């Protein structure tokens, strides 16, 4: 086969793998949405119908009792809804647009929580929000990515120390390697994505439980409602049916608002990191599903499976064949990888950002011109592209997504 033909075949193969993974994920998301809609409709629709019936009965009783027409009553209720949108309640609430209220609002904007209970009503406020949110959301996503990078580095340091202590105590080390243990036994070691997911999941549960224990007595919610609020807020869904720190006055108000801010900050960062780890696991499941589909197709057509021919293909629960105290060699610096325990300086961070932007620009240019991307080499063997941003961080930092496994 000519070199040009091999290059064309490599490009079409990788393009088909990427497109197959994307199409499969899109179909699974659509199916997931349909299932979710069916479940929520079955659960919530009867309650909605009962609420409508009770409300219509209340309106008729009120209209008959006070001799007010339903049209006049509905007109009054529309005015009341407009007052609620402006932040006016029957019970005393904190001002929404004093400095502290505005600070709470911009925090929900840049974090993409967006509770929706406070919104600008003036033209100037709406126009300013567009430009303010554009820059603020981008900066906050960068902050989340940097937090993700550092939390994985911290977890790698701790997990590597635990692994090293366990191996030292196991008595499996050859004689003479006690001094240079890390260089001999843990070259380029990376934490397992499943261990990181477990730690982040437990951390998110702990933060949510502690925050709920604070919200329950202070806000007067049930503990289950407080847990529900924590997930909706920390995941930046932000429905707005429950919003903390909205009463005009609290006991120990300053301490409560500081604790509320810290819980939200740590919770959002932790859940964001957890979502990215889960996305890696989902990608592994997609690779496994595509491999099984490829096997079935190739058995029917009597063709060799391209997925089976890839070494180190990553599947859920796949393990390396190294001894318990050995892992694959560390990725080279030219590939932009780091050892798990290595901390990042600001100089290295700025340089890596420039490299990431250059790689992204090159990939976009090559994709637009129909050329194969530079990940056509070894990093493709595991079924993961290098990635830019959060996905790139996860691919480079965790064991199951690196080509060393």
Protein backbone atom coordinates (compact mmCIF):
# COMPACT_ATOMS: atom_id res chain seq x y z
CA UNK A 1 0.00 0.00 0.00
CA UNK A 2 1.32 3.43 -0.93
CA UNK A 3 2.06 5.94 1.88
CA UNK A 4 -0.67 8.24 0.60
CA UNK A 5 -3.20 5.43 0.73
CA UNK A 6 -2.18 4.48 4.27
CA UNK A 7 -2.51 8.13 5.33
CA UNK A 8 -5.95 8.36 3.75
CA UNK A 9 -7.00 5.12 5.44
CA UNK A 10 -5.73 6.30 8.83
CA UNK A 11 -7.58 9.58 8.44
CA UNK A 12 -10.87 7.94 7.45
CA UNK A 13 -10.56 5.34 10.23
CA UNK A 14 -10.01 7.94 12.93
CA UNK A 15 -12.70 10.16 11.48
CA UNK A 16 -15.13 7.25 11.53
CA UNK A 17 -14.24 6.43 15.14
CA UNK A 18 -14.77 10.03 16.26
CA UNK A 19 -18.00 10.37 14.31
CA UNK A 20 -19.23 7.01 15.58
CA UNK A 21 -18.52 7.99 19.20
CA UNK A 22 -20.22 11.37 18.71
CA UNK A 23 -23.30 9.87 17.01
CA UNK A 24 -23.63 7.13 19.63
CA UNK A 25 -23.39 9.68 22.45
CA UNK A 26 -26.01 11.89 20.76
CA UNK A 27 -28.40 8.94 20.44
CA UNK A 28 -27.84 7.91 24.05
CA UNK A 29 -28.47 11.47 25.26
CA UNK A 30 -31.72 11.66 23.26
CA UNK A 31 -32.80 8.31 24.72
CA UNK A 32 -31.81 9.52 28.20
CA UNK A 33 -33.90 12.68 27.73
CA UNK A 34 -36.91 10.67 26.56
CA UNK A 35 -36.65 8.35 29.55
CA UNK A 36 -36.29 11.30 31.92
CA UNK A 37 -39.28 13.06 30.41
CA UNK A 38 -41.40 9.92 30.77
CA UNK A 39 -40.41 9.42 34.41
CA UNK A 40 -40.90 13.04 35.47
CA UNK A 41 -44.18 13.28 33.58
CA UNK A 42 -45.48 10.18 35.37
CA UNK A 43 -44.34 11.48 38.75
CA UNK A 44 -45.17 15.20 38.55
CA UNK A 45 -48.13 15.46 36.16
CA UNK A 46 -50.80 14.18 38.61
CA UNK A 47 -49.62 16.65 41.25
CA UNK A 48 -49.79 19.48 38.70
CA UNK A 49 -53.38 18.60 37.76
CA UNK A 50 -54.42 18.46 41.42
CA UNK A 51 -52.80 21.86 42.05
CA UNK A 52 -54.68 23.37 39.08
CA UNK A 53 -57.95 21.98 40.39
CA UNK A 54 -57.37 23.35 43.89
CA UNK A 55 -56.38 26.76 42.53
CA UNK A 56 -59.42 27.04 40.25
CA UNK A 57 -61.68 26.10 43.14
CA UNK A 58 -60.02 28.72 45.37
CA UNK A 59 -60.51 31.42 42.71
CA UNK A 60 -64.19 30.59 42.29
CA UNK A 61 -64.79 30.59 46.05
CA UNK A 62 -62.99 33.91 46.46
CA UNK A 63 -64.92 35.45 43.55
CA UNK A 64 -68.27 34.30 44.97
CA UNK A 65 -67.47 35.33 48.55
CA UNK A 66 -66.33 38.88 47.78
CA UNK A 67 -68.43 39.42 44.66
CA UNK A 68 -65.43 40.02 42.38
CA UNK A 69 -65.46 38.92 38.78
CA UNK A 70 -62.86 36.38 37.67
CA UNK A 71 -61.54 38.85 35.08
CA UNK A 72 -60.82 41.49 37.72
CA UNK A 73 -59.30 38.90 40.01
CA UNK A 74 -56.99 37.58 37.26
CA UNK A 75 -55.93 41.16 36.46
CA UNK A 76 -54.98 41.65 40.12
CA UNK A 77 -53.04 38.39 40.14
CA UNK A 78 -51.06 39.48 37.07
CA UNK A 79 -50.02 42.61 38.94
CA UNK A 80 -49.00 40.44 41.88
CA UNK A 81 -46.89 38.21 39.60
CA UNK A 82 -45.13 41.33 38.27
CA UNK A 83 -44.45 42.39 41.86
CA UNK A 84 -42.97 38.97 42.65
CA UNK A 85 -40.70 39.25 39.61
CA UNK A 86 -39.49 42.60 40.94
CA UNK A 87 -38.64 41.04 44.30
CA UNK A 88 -41.67 42.15 46.30
CA UNK A 89 -43.02 39.55 48.74
CA UNK A 90 -45.60 39.52 51.49
CA UNK A 91 -42.84 38.47 53.90
CA UNK A 92 -39.85 40.73 54.38
CA UNK A 93 -36.90 39.76 52.13
CA UNK A 94 -33.44 41.19 51.76
CA UNK A 95 -33.10 43.96 49.14
CA UNK A 96 -32.13 42.44 45.82
CA UNK A 97 -30.21 45.33 44.35
CA UNK A 98 -28.23 46.74 47.25
CA UNK A 99 -24.51 45.94 47.04
CA UNK A 100 -24.70 42.57 48.83
CA UNK A 101 -27.78 41.55 46.85
CA UNK A 102 -26.11 42.56 43.59
CA UNK A 103 -22.95 40.66 44.58
CA UNK A 104 -25.05 37.54 45.18
CA UNK A 105 -26.64 38.06 41.74
CA UNK A 106 -23.37 38.42 39.83
CA UNK A 107 -22.05 35.32 41.63
CA UNK A 108 -24.97 33.30 40.25
CA UNK A 109 -24.34 34.79 36.80
CA UNK A 110 -20.63 34.02 36.41
CA UNK A 111 -21.02 30.57 37.99
CA UNK A 112 -23.88 29.84 35.52
CA UNK A 113 -26.17 28.86 38.44
CA UNK A 114 -28.75 31.48 37.47
CA UNK A 115 -31.47 30.96 40.08
CA UNK A 116 -33.76 33.34 38.15
CA UNK A 117 -35.36 35.00 41.16
CA UNK A 118 -33.28 38.15 40.59
CA UNK A 119 -33.16 39.49 37.05
CA UNK A 120 -32.43 42.93 35.56
CA UNK A 121 -35.53 44.76 34.38
CA UNK A 122 -33.98 47.86 32.83
CA UNK A 123 -32.62 47.99 29.27
CA UNK A 124 -29.23 49.15 30.52
CA UNK A 125 -29.08 46.29 33.01
CA UNK A 126 -29.93 43.67 30.37
CA UNK A 127 -27.35 45.01 27.90
CA UNK A 128 -24.65 45.18 30.57
CA UNK A 129 -25.47 41.61 31.65
CA UNK A 130 -24.77 40.28 28.15
CA UNK A 131 -21.20 41.61 28.06
CA UNK A 132 -20.58 41.07 31.77
CA UNK A 133 -21.70 37.44 31.61
CA UNK A 134 -19.67 36.74 28.47
CA UNK A 135 -16.39 37.61 30.17
CA UNK A 136 -17.36 36.44 33.65
CA UNK A 137 -18.56 32.99 32.61
CA UNK A 138 -15.43 32.40 30.52
CA UNK A 139 -13.18 33.41 33.42
CA UNK A 140 -15.10 31.19 35.85
CA UNK A 141 -14.85 28.18 33.54
CA UNK A 142 -11.09 28.78 33.39
CA UNK A 143 -11.04 28.89 37.20
CA UNK A 144 -12.92 25.58 37.36
CA UNK A 145 -10.43 24.00 34.95
CA UNK A 146 -7.49 25.22 37.02
CA UNK A 147 -9.18 23.92 40.16
CA UNK A 148 -9.70 20.58 38.42
CA UNK A 149 -6.01 20.43 37.48
CA UNK A 150 -4.88 21.17 41.02
CA UNK A 151 -7.32 18.86 42.77
CA UNK A 152 -6.16 15.97 40.57
CA UNK A 153 -2.53 16.87 41.33
CA UNK A 154 -3.31 16.93 45.05
CA UNK A 155 -5.13 13.59 44.87
CA UNK A 156 -2.23 12.13 42.88
CA UNK A 157 0.27 13.19 45.56
CA UNK A 158 -1.82 11.66 48.35
CA UNK A 159 -2.67 8.47 46.46
CA UNK A 160 0.92 8.02 45.35
CA UNK A 161 2.13 8.34 48.96
CA UNK A 162 -0.45 5.77 50.09
CA UNK A 163 0.54 3.41 47.27
CA UNK A 164 4.21 3.83 48.07
CA UNK A 165 3.66 3.08 51.77
CA UNK A 166 1.55 0.02 50.91
CA UNK A 167 4.24 -1.37 48.59
CA UNK A 168 7.01 -0.71 51.12
CA UNK A 169 5.05 -2.61 53.76
CA UNK A 170 4.23 -5.50 51.43
CA UNK A 171 7.80 -6.80 51.29
CA UNK A 172 7.68 -7.22 47.50
CA UNK A 173 10.53 -4.84 46.73
CA UNK A 174 13.78 -6.26 45.40
CA UNK A 175 16.77 -5.62 47.67
CA UNK A 176 18.63 -2.38 47.14
CA UNK A 177 15.75 -0.22 45.85
CA UNK A 178 14.58 1.30 49.14
CA UNK A 179 16.51 4.51 48.59
CA UNK A 180 15.42 5.14 45.00
CA UNK A 181 11.96 3.67 45.45
CA UNK A 182 9.89 6.21 43.47
CA UNK A 183 12.20 6.21 40.46
CA UNK A 184 12.28 2.41 40.33
CA UNK A 185 8.72 1.45 41.22
CA UNK A 186 6.48 4.37 40.26
CA UNK A 187 7.79 5.90 37.02
CA UNK A 188 5.11 8.16 35.56
CA UNK A 189 2.46 6.82 37.91
CA UNK A 190 -1.04 8.27 37.46
CA UNK A 191 -4.10 7.83 39.68
CA UNK A 192 -6.96 5.64 38.54
CA UNK A 193 -9.98 7.48 37.17
CA UNK A 194 -12.23 5.24 39.26
CA UNK A 195 -10.40 6.07 42.49
CA UNK A 196 -10.56 9.79 41.69
CA UNK A 197 -14.27 9.51 40.90
CA UNK A 198 -14.88 7.74 44.23
CA UNK A 199 -12.96 10.37 46.21
CA UNK A 200 -14.69 13.28 44.46
CA UNK A 201 -18.08 11.60 44.91
CA UNK A 202 -17.52 11.13 48.64
CA UNK A 203 -16.28 14.71 48.91
CA UNK A 204 -19.38 16.05 47.14
CA UNK A 205 -21.64 13.99 49.42
CA UNK A 206 -19.81 15.22 52.51
CA UNK A 207 -20.03 18.88 51.46
CA UNK A 208 -23.72 18.52 50.58
CA UNK A 209 -24.56 16.84 53.88
CA UNK A 210 -22.70 19.48 55.91
CA UNK A 211 -24.29 22.33 53.95
CA UNK A 212 -27.74 20.76 54.35
CA UNK A 213 -27.21 20.52 58.11
CA UNK A 214 -26.67 24.31 58.05
CA UNK A 215 -29.55 25.20 55.70
CA UNK A 216 -32.17 23.10 57.49
CA UNK A 217 -32.37 25.11 60.75
CA UNK A 218 -31.42 28.49 59.26
CA UNK A 219 -33.73 28.51 56.22
CA UNK A 220 -36.47 26.35 57.74
CA UNK A 221 -36.28 23.71 55.01
CA UNK A 222 -36.52 19.97 55.47
CA UNK A 223 -33.24 18.08 55.25
CA UNK A 224 -34.28 16.46 51.97
CA UNK A 225 -35.13 19.87 50.50
CA UNK A 226 -31.73 21.12 51.63
CA UNK A 227 -29.98 18.20 49.90
CA UNK A 228 -32.03 18.88 46.78
CA UNK A 229 -31.02 22.57 46.90
CA UNK A 230 -27.35 21.62 47.29
CA UNK A 231 -27.36 19.40 44.20
CA UNK A 232 -29.32 21.87 42.07
CA UNK A 233 -26.98 24.68 43.11
CA UNK A 234 -23.64 22.86 43.08
CA UNK A 235 -24.38 21.40 39.64
CA UNK A 236 -25.28 24.95 38.43
CA UNK A 237 -28.76 23.82 37.37
CA UNK A 238 -30.26 26.58 39.51
CA UNK A 239 -34.03 26.19 39.25
CA UNK A 240 -34.69 28.95 41.77
CA UNK A 241 -37.44 27.20 43.72
CA UNK A 242 -35.13 27.16 46.74
CA UNK A 243 -32.65 30.01 47.18
CA UNK A 244 -30.51 30.54 50.25
CA UNK A 245 -29.72 33.78 52.10
CA UNK A 246 -32.83 35.68 50.98
CA UNK A 247 -34.47 36.55 54.32
CA UNK A 248 -33.96 40.14 55.47
CA UNK A 249 -32.27 39.17 58.74
CA UNK A 250 -30.69 36.05 60.19
CA UNK A 251 -29.18 35.20 63.53
CA UNK A 252 -25.41 35.38 63.03
CA UNK A 253 -26.12 36.81 59.59
CA UNK A 254 -22.55 37.65 58.61
CA UNK A 255 -21.23 34.21 59.60
CA UNK A 256 -24.07 32.49 57.75
CA UNK A 257 -23.51 34.39 54.52
CA UNK A 258 -19.78 33.66 54.58
CA UNK A 259 -20.46 29.96 55.21
CA UNK A 260 -23.08 29.97 52.43
CA UNK A 261 -20.56 31.45 49.98
CA UNK A 262 -17.84 28.94 50.93
CA UNK A 263 -20.18 25.96 50.66
CA UNK A 264 -21.35 27.10 47.23
CA UNK A 265 -17.81 27.70 45.98
CA UNK A 266 -16.40 24.37 47.16
CA UNK A 267 -19.55 22.49 46.14
CA UNK A 268 -19.59 23.87 42.59
CA UNK A 269 -15.87 23.17 42.12
CA UNK A 270 -16.20 19.64 43.47
CA UNK A 271 -19.26 18.76 41.40
CA UNK A 272 -17.66 20.27 38.28
CA UNK A 273 -14.60 18.07 38.79
CA UNK A 274 -16.82 15.04 39.43
CA UNK A 275 -18.80 15.66 36.24
CA UNK A 276 -15.59 15.74 34.21
CA UNK A 277 -14.38 12.47 35.72
CA UNK A 278 -17.76 10.86 35.02
CA UNK A 279 -17.53 12.10 31.42
CA UNK A 280 -14.28 10.13 31.07
CA UNK A 281 -16.01 6.99 32.31
CA UNK A 282 -18.87 7.60 29.87
CA UNK A 283 -16.33 7.90 27.07
CA UNK A 284 -14.82 4.57 28.09
CA UNK A 285 -18.28 2.99 27.95
CA UNK A 286 -18.79 4.47 24.47
CA UNK A 287 -15.48 2.96 23.30
CA UNK A 288 -16.55 -0.42 24.70
CA UNK A 289 -19.94 -0.20 22.98
CA UNK A 290 -18.35 0.78 19.67
CA UNK A 291 -15.93 -2.12 19.96
CA UNK A 292 -18.78 -4.57 20.51
CA UNK A 293 -20.71 -3.09 17.59
CA UNK A 294 -17.59 -3.32 15.42
CA UNK A 295 -17.15 -6.97 16.38
CA UNK A 296 -20.72 -7.79 15.40
CA UNK A 297 -20.41 -5.92 12.11
CA UNK A 298 -17.10 -7.54 11.21
CA UNK A 299 -18.39 -11.03 12.04
CA UNK A 300 -21.26 -10.55 9.61
CA UNK A 301 -19.04 -9.10 6.88
CA UNK A 302 -16.03 -11.41 7.53
CA UNK A 303 -13.77 -8.39 8.00
CA UNK A 304 -11.12 -7.80 10.69
CA UNK A 305 -12.25 -5.46 13.46
CA UNK A 306 -10.43 -2.15 13.54
CA UNK A 307 -11.20 -1.76 17.23
CA UNK A 308 -9.77 -5.15 18.06
CA UNK A 309 -6.60 -4.25 16.22
CA UNK A 310 -5.90 -1.27 18.42
CA UNK A 311 -3.62 -2.06 21.30
CA UNK A 312 -4.41 -0.71 24.74
CA UNK A 313 -8.04 -0.08 23.81
CA UNK A 314 -9.70 1.25 26.90
CA UNK A 315 -12.77 -0.50 28.21
CA UNK A 316 -14.60 -0.15 31.53
CA UNK A 317 -12.71 -1.95 34.24
CA UNK A 318 -9.67 -2.74 32.06
CA UNK A 319 -6.45 -3.30 33.97
CA UNK A 320 -2.85 -3.11 33.03
CA UNK A 321 -0.57 -6.15 33.13
CA UNK A 322 2.23 -4.55 35.15
CA UNK A 323 3.36 -5.93 38.49
CA UNK A 324 1.65 -4.37 41.53
CA UNK A 325 4.53 -2.00 42.12
CA UNK A 326 5.26 -1.10 38.49
CA UNK A 327 3.41 1.09 36.03
CA UNK A 328 4.11 2.18 32.48
CA UNK A 329 6.88 4.68 31.81
CA UNK A 330 6.14 8.32 32.19
CA UNK A 331 4.95 10.12 29.07
CA UNK A 332 7.60 12.27 27.56
CA UNK A 333 7.69 16.01 28.01
CA UNK A 334 7.29 16.43 24.28
CA UNK A 335 3.83 14.93 24.53
CA UNK A 336 2.82 17.55 27.06
CA UNK A 337 2.34 15.06 29.91
CA UNK A 338 3.42 15.37 33.54
CA UNK A 339 4.00 12.98 36.39
CA UNK A 340 1.02 12.89 38.71
CA UNK A 341 2.81 14.23 41.74
CA UNK A 342 4.43 17.18 39.99
CA UNK A 343 3.04 20.56 40.97
CA UNK A 344 2.57 23.25 38.33
CA UNK A 345 4.22 26.64 38.45
CA UNK A 346 2.60 29.73 37.00
CA UNK A 347 5.33 29.91 34.37
CA UNK A 348 4.66 26.32 33.28
CA UNK A 349 0.93 26.98 33.37
CA UNK A 350 1.23 29.99 31.06
CA UNK A 351 3.44 27.99 28.71
CA UNK A 352 1.03 25.04 28.69
CA UNK A 353 -1.89 27.36 27.91
CA UNK A 354 0.01 28.70 24.90
CA UNK A 355 0.74 25.15 23.76
CA UNK A 356 -2.91 24.14 24.21
CA UNK A 357 -4.07 27.09 22.14
CA UNK A 358 -1.53 26.31 19.43
CA UNK A 359 -2.58 22.65 19.36
CA UNK A 360 -6.25 23.60 19.20
CA UNK A 361 -5.60 26.04 16.34
CA UNK A 362 -3.62 23.40 14.46
CA UNK A 363 -6.31 20.76 14.97
CA UNK A 364 -9.02 23.13 13.76
CA UNK A 365 -6.96 24.06 10.71
CA UNK A 366 -6.18 20.44 9.84
CA UNK A 367 -9.80 19.39 10.34
CA UNK A 368 -11.01 22.22 8.11
CA UNK A 369 -8.53 21.27 5.38
CA UNK A 370 -9.20 17.55 5.64
CA UNK A 371 -5.78 16.55 7.00
CA UNK A 372 -5.35 14.01 9.79
CA UNK A 373 -4.76 15.43 13.24
CA UNK A 374 -1.49 14.96 15.04
CA UNK A 375 -3.13 12.55 17.50
CA UNK A 376 -3.02 9.91 14.76
CA UNK A 377 -0.08 8.34 16.60
CA UNK A 378 0.27 6.69 19.94
CA UNK A 379 -2.32 8.73 21.78
CA UNK A 380 -4.93 7.27 19.48
CA UNK A 381 -4.27 3.72 20.58
CA UNK A 382 -6.38 4.06 23.69
CA UNK A 383 -9.40 5.57 21.95
CA UNK A 384 -9.01 9.04 23.48
CA UNK A 385 -8.12 12.25 21.73
CA UNK A 386 -5.74 14.60 23.51
CA UNK A 387 -8.46 17.16 24.12
CA UNK A 388 -8.29 20.79 25.17
CA UNK A 389 -9.58 22.19 28.45
CA UNK A 390 -11.15 19.98 31.10
CA UNK A 391 -11.22 16.86 28.91
CA UNK A 392 -7.56 17.34 28.01
CA UNK A 393 -6.66 17.65 31.69
CA UNK A 394 -8.45 14.41 32.51
CA UNK A 395 -6.97 12.55 29.54
CA UNK A 396 -3.43 13.55 30.49
CA UNK A 397 -3.69 13.08 34.24
CA UNK A 398 -5.53 9.80 34.84
CA UNK A 399 -4.22 6.31 34.31
CA UNK A 400 -7.07 4.74 32.32
CA UNK A 401 -6.94 7.53 29.71
CA UNK A 402 -3.20 7.61 29.12
CA UNK A 403 -1.49 5.49 26.47
CA UNK A 404 0.68 3.94 29.12
CA UNK A 405 -2.10 1.60 30.23
